[in-house]
Protein backbone atom coordinates (compact mmCIF):
# COMPACT_ATOMS: atom_id res chain seq x y z
CA MET A 1 144.23 153.28 99.00
CA THR A 2 141.22 153.49 96.77
CA ALA A 3 139.91 156.25 94.51
CA ALA A 4 136.16 156.01 93.92
CA PHE A 5 134.25 157.71 91.13
CA LEU A 6 131.00 157.73 89.18
CA VAL A 7 130.34 157.64 85.46
CA ARG A 8 126.79 158.65 84.50
CA SER A 9 125.02 156.91 81.68
CA PRO A 10 123.44 159.59 79.47
CA LEU A 11 120.15 157.62 79.69
CA THR A 12 120.13 157.31 83.50
CA ALA A 13 116.73 157.45 85.16
CA ARG A 14 117.53 157.08 88.85
CA ALA A 15 119.17 159.61 91.12
CA ARG A 16 121.34 157.44 93.35
CA SER A 17 121.09 153.72 92.57
CA ARG A 18 123.63 151.94 90.38
CA ASP A 19 123.05 148.89 88.18
CA ALA A 20 126.64 147.83 87.70
CA LEU A 21 130.11 148.80 88.88
CA ILE A 22 133.30 148.67 86.80
CA ILE A 23 136.25 148.01 89.14
CA LEU A 24 139.69 148.91 87.81
CA GLY A 25 142.54 147.43 89.79
CA ASP A 26 145.93 145.75 89.55
CA ASP A 27 147.00 142.19 90.19
CA GLN A 28 150.08 141.43 92.27
CA LYS A 29 150.71 137.85 91.16
CA GLU A 30 147.45 136.74 92.73
CA LEU A 31 145.99 135.55 89.43
CA PHE A 32 148.55 136.38 86.74
CA HIS A 33 152.26 135.59 86.53
CA GLU A 34 155.21 136.01 84.16
CA ASP A 35 154.02 133.16 81.97
CA HIS A 36 150.82 135.13 81.21
CA LEU A 37 150.81 138.82 82.29
CA PRO A 38 148.23 140.89 80.42
CA SER A 39 148.66 144.63 80.27
CA ILE A 40 144.88 145.20 80.26
CA LEU A 41 142.28 142.50 80.88
CA VAL A 42 138.50 142.49 81.21
CA TYR A 43 136.82 139.64 83.07
CA TYR A 44 133.48 138.58 81.54
CA GLY A 45 132.42 135.42 83.42
CA ASP A 46 128.91 135.29 84.85
CA THR A 47 130.34 135.27 88.39
CA ILE A 48 133.64 135.91 90.10
CA ARG A 49 134.69 134.10 93.28
CA ASN A 50 135.87 135.60 96.56
CA VAL A 51 137.79 133.13 98.71
CA PRO A 52 139.10 133.30 102.30
CA LEU A 53 142.59 134.67 102.75
CA SER A 54 145.24 131.97 102.22
CA PRO A 55 146.83 130.60 105.38
CA ASN A 56 150.13 131.09 103.59
CA PHE A 57 149.77 134.87 103.74
CA LYS A 58 153.15 136.46 104.46
CA GLY A 59 153.24 139.45 106.76
CA PRO A 60 152.78 140.62 110.36
CA GLU A 61 149.66 139.66 112.28
CA TRP A 62 148.13 143.14 112.05
CA SER A 63 148.43 143.03 108.26
CA ARG A 64 146.96 139.56 108.08
CA LEU A 65 143.93 140.58 110.15
CA ALA A 66 143.36 143.73 108.06
CA THR A 67 143.77 141.94 104.73
CA ALA A 68 141.49 139.09 105.76
CA ARG A 69 138.55 141.58 105.84
CA TYR A 70 138.79 141.84 102.05
CA TYR A 71 137.72 138.22 101.72
CA GLU A 72 135.13 135.69 102.82
CA GLU A 73 135.53 134.51 106.37
CA LYS A 74 135.08 130.72 105.94
CA VAL A 75 133.97 129.47 102.57
CA PRO A 76 134.27 130.77 99.00
CA ARG A 77 131.36 132.69 97.51
CA ASP A 78 130.53 133.58 93.94
CA TYR A 79 129.37 137.14 93.16
CA PRO A 80 127.55 138.38 90.05
CA VAL A 81 129.34 139.91 87.09
CA GLN A 82 127.56 142.09 84.55
CA SER A 83 128.85 139.90 81.75
CA ASP A 84 126.86 141.63 78.96
CA LEU A 85 128.49 144.95 79.92
CA ALA A 86 131.89 143.27 80.16
CA LEU A 87 131.58 141.84 76.60
CA HIS A 88 130.37 145.21 75.35
CA LEU A 89 133.40 146.82 77.01
CA ILE A 90 135.80 144.32 75.40
CA ASN A 91 134.29 144.88 71.93
CA SER A 92 134.25 148.64 72.41
CA LEU A 93 137.89 148.71 73.49
CA ILE A 94 138.90 146.60 70.47
CA ASP A 95 137.04 149.06 68.20
CA ARG A 96 139.22 151.80 69.78
CA GLU A 97 142.38 149.83 69.02
CA PHE A 98 143.06 148.42 72.47
CA ASP A 99 144.46 144.90 72.31
CA VAL A 100 142.64 143.87 75.44
CA GLY A 101 142.98 140.52 77.20
CA SER A 102 139.88 138.66 78.38
CA SER A 103 138.96 135.95 80.84
CA ASN A 104 135.74 134.20 81.80
CA GLY A 105 136.95 132.18 84.78
CA LEU A 106 139.56 131.77 87.52
CA ALA A 107 141.88 128.84 88.26
CA PRO A 108 140.56 126.36 90.86
CA GLY A 109 141.07 127.56 94.39
CA HIS A 110 141.67 131.17 93.32
CA GLY A 111 139.49 134.22 93.86
CA GLU A 112 139.47 137.91 93.00
CA GLY A 113 142.63 139.74 94.05
CA HIS A 114 143.01 142.36 96.78
CA ALA A 115 142.37 145.41 94.60
CA HIS A 116 138.94 144.14 93.58
CA ALA A 117 138.08 142.35 96.82
CA PHE A 118 138.79 145.49 98.88
CA VAL A 119 136.18 147.41 96.93
CA ARG A 120 133.57 144.67 97.33
CA LYS A 121 134.04 143.94 100.97
CA ARG A 122 135.10 147.34 102.36
CA LEU A 123 133.40 149.92 100.14
CA MET A 124 130.30 148.46 98.44
CA GLU A 125 127.09 148.86 100.41
CA ASP A 126 125.57 146.07 98.31
CA PRO A 127 128.17 143.31 97.75
CA ASP A 128 125.82 141.61 95.29
CA LEU A 129 125.81 144.57 92.88
CA PRO A 130 127.01 143.16 89.52
CA VAL A 131 130.59 144.23 88.71
CA VAL A 132 132.93 144.24 85.75
CA PRO A 133 136.49 143.52 86.92
CA VAL A 134 139.15 145.23 84.81
CA PHE A 135 142.82 144.43 85.46
CA LEU A 136 145.63 146.88 84.73
CA ASN A 137 149.23 145.70 85.01
CA THR A 138 150.76 148.58 86.92
CA TYR A 139 153.54 146.72 88.80
CA TYR A 140 155.47 144.46 86.53
CA PRO A 141 157.61 145.25 83.47
CA PRO A 142 157.92 144.93 80.58
CA ASN A 143 154.30 145.71 79.61
CA GLN A 144 153.15 148.38 82.03
CA PRO A 145 150.84 150.82 80.21
CA THR A 146 152.09 154.38 79.92
CA PRO A 147 150.32 157.26 81.69
CA ARG A 148 149.04 158.46 78.34
CA ARG A 149 147.69 155.00 77.56
CA CYS A 150 145.96 154.87 80.91
CA TRP A 151 144.25 158.19 80.30
CA LYS A 152 143.04 157.01 76.88
CA LEU A 153 141.85 153.76 78.44
CA GLY A 154 139.63 155.73 80.80
CA GLN A 155 138.26 157.73 77.89
CA ALA A 156 137.53 154.49 76.00
CA ILE A 157 135.75 152.97 79.01
CA ARG A 158 133.58 156.06 79.26
CA ALA A 159 132.73 155.80 75.55
CA ALA A 160 131.77 152.17 76.07
CA VAL A 161 129.49 153.08 78.95
CA GLU A 162 127.84 155.81 76.95
CA SER A 163 127.14 153.41 74.08
CA TYR A 164 125.86 150.58 76.25
CA PRO A 165 122.14 150.00 75.55
CA GLY A 166 119.49 150.71 78.19
CA ASP A 167 118.84 153.27 80.88
CA GLY A 168 121.12 151.86 83.58
CA ARG A 169 123.43 153.73 85.86
CA ILE A 170 127.03 152.48 85.78
CA GLY A 171 129.71 153.37 88.29
CA ILE A 172 133.45 153.05 88.00
CA VAL A 173 136.01 152.64 90.82
CA GLY A 174 139.79 152.83 90.57
CA SER A 175 141.40 150.79 93.36
CA GLY A 176 145.01 151.59 94.19
CA GLY A 177 147.61 154.13 95.15
CA LEU A 178 148.70 156.72 95.87
CA SER A 179 152.45 156.70 96.53
CA HIS A 180 154.02 153.79 98.40
CA PHE A 181 156.09 152.27 99.84
CA VAL A 182 157.78 155.62 100.32
CA VAL A 183 155.34 158.51 100.68
CA ASP A 184 155.76 161.24 98.01
CA GLU A 185 153.40 164.00 99.09
CA GLU A 186 154.37 166.27 96.19
CA LEU A 187 153.50 163.56 93.68
CA ASP A 188 150.27 162.63 95.45
CA ARG A 189 148.98 166.17 95.87
CA GLY A 190 149.96 166.96 92.31
CA VAL A 191 147.91 164.02 90.97
CA ILE A 192 144.85 165.01 93.02
CA ASP A 193 145.19 168.65 91.97
CA ALA A 194 145.53 167.76 88.29
CA LEU A 195 142.40 165.59 88.53
CA ALA A 196 140.47 168.36 90.17
CA ARG A 197 141.56 170.77 87.41
CA LYS A 198 140.84 168.20 84.71
CA ASP A 199 144.40 168.63 83.53
CA GLY A 200 144.75 165.55 81.40
CA GLU A 201 148.04 166.61 79.90
CA ALA A 202 149.73 166.91 83.30
CA LEU A 203 148.55 163.42 84.26
CA GLN A 204 149.57 161.91 80.90
CA SER A 205 153.03 163.48 81.24
CA LEU A 206 153.84 162.07 84.69
CA PRO A 207 157.39 160.60 84.63
CA ARG A 208 157.18 156.82 84.38
CA LYS A 209 160.17 156.55 86.77
CA LYS A 210 157.88 157.86 89.51
CA LEU A 211 155.27 155.18 88.84
CA ASN A 212 157.10 152.13 90.11
CA SER A 213 156.49 149.73 92.98
CA GLY A 214 153.34 150.67 94.88
CA SER A 215 153.29 154.12 93.33
CA SER A 216 152.62 152.39 90.01
CA GLU A 217 148.97 152.15 91.13
CA ILE A 218 148.63 155.87 90.38
CA ARG A 219 147.91 154.56 86.88
CA MET A 220 144.48 153.67 88.15
CA TRP A 221 143.86 157.29 89.12
CA ILE A 222 145.04 158.44 85.68
CA SER A 223 142.66 156.02 83.99
CA ILE A 224 139.75 157.23 86.13
CA GLY A 225 140.68 160.79 85.26
CA GLY A 226 140.16 160.01 81.59
CA ALA A 227 136.84 158.30 82.36
CA VAL A 228 135.41 161.19 84.34
CA GLU A 229 136.95 164.23 82.61
CA HIS A 230 133.42 165.39 81.83
CA LEU A 231 132.46 165.40 85.53
CA ASP A 232 133.47 167.62 88.44
CA MET A 233 135.40 166.34 91.47
CA ALA A 234 132.81 166.56 94.24
CA TRP A 235 135.11 165.60 97.15
CA SER A 236 138.59 164.38 97.92
CA HIS A 237 140.68 163.62 100.99
CA TYR A 238 144.36 162.86 101.33
CA VAL A 239 146.37 161.52 104.27
CA PRO A 240 150.13 160.94 103.99
CA GLY A 241 150.37 157.74 106.05
CA TYR A 242 153.97 157.69 107.28
CA ARG A 243 155.12 154.59 109.12
CA THR A 244 158.73 155.47 109.87
CA PRO A 245 160.91 158.59 110.11
CA ALA A 246 162.59 157.43 106.89
CA GLY A 247 159.38 158.16 104.99
CA SER A 248 158.11 154.67 104.36
CA GLY A 249 154.34 154.37 104.26
CA THR A 250 151.42 155.01 101.96
CA GLY A 251 149.78 158.04 100.45
CA LEU A 252 146.12 157.42 101.25
CA GLY A 253 143.71 159.18 98.95
CA PHE A 254 139.98 159.07 98.25
CA ALA A 255 138.02 161.09 95.72
CA TYR A 256 134.55 161.19 94.20
CA TRP A 257 133.14 162.61 91.01
CA SER A 258 129.51 163.30 90.14
């Protein structure tokens, strides 16, 4: 359920290594609730905690076992955050007229949510690579960002990366989607095709009524499209993961830009 991409710093010196990773993902009432639900938030603490899966996890055993692999096995662990980059990102977004939320810590007993934890524990070869967690409220009204706003957010993140001092190499990952909990192959394939064609207008014009429930996470793909519109899609793979004859399941997509 994760789309992975790369933004190149214009001053990059190394061919493959990365110095920091921006992770864009949603929060499903793991950290934020109706009493405080930011549309866009950048985390800038020096570290972010990953904690074992709660024993109160609701779901079948197979789901519990799979989800537990996103988290620490026994005891919480703090991982590094590229806080200087995070603060630069916040200031840069404000300069571009984004009213962005910010946080430098988590409530006691809480850790990073599934969208960010999945990237760390299941995708990152080096789990200690400094990250910048960015939260996008895709799921919950009334303040879900529009597709057009998501595209412009991606563009603004790229501009922030390009203006960040130094010769580092900064990656960006969008964690979420595609369609679920009912598979919509036409929607999924259309999103991937538009990204491959760099068709920003098609992505910004996606009907908001199609971006609800799990399919709302397509907003992450749209944001990444804006961030990497200057790059070419190097690879993508899509699997419509049907679970029942009724069409329930998940559109599983992966893509990479370089």
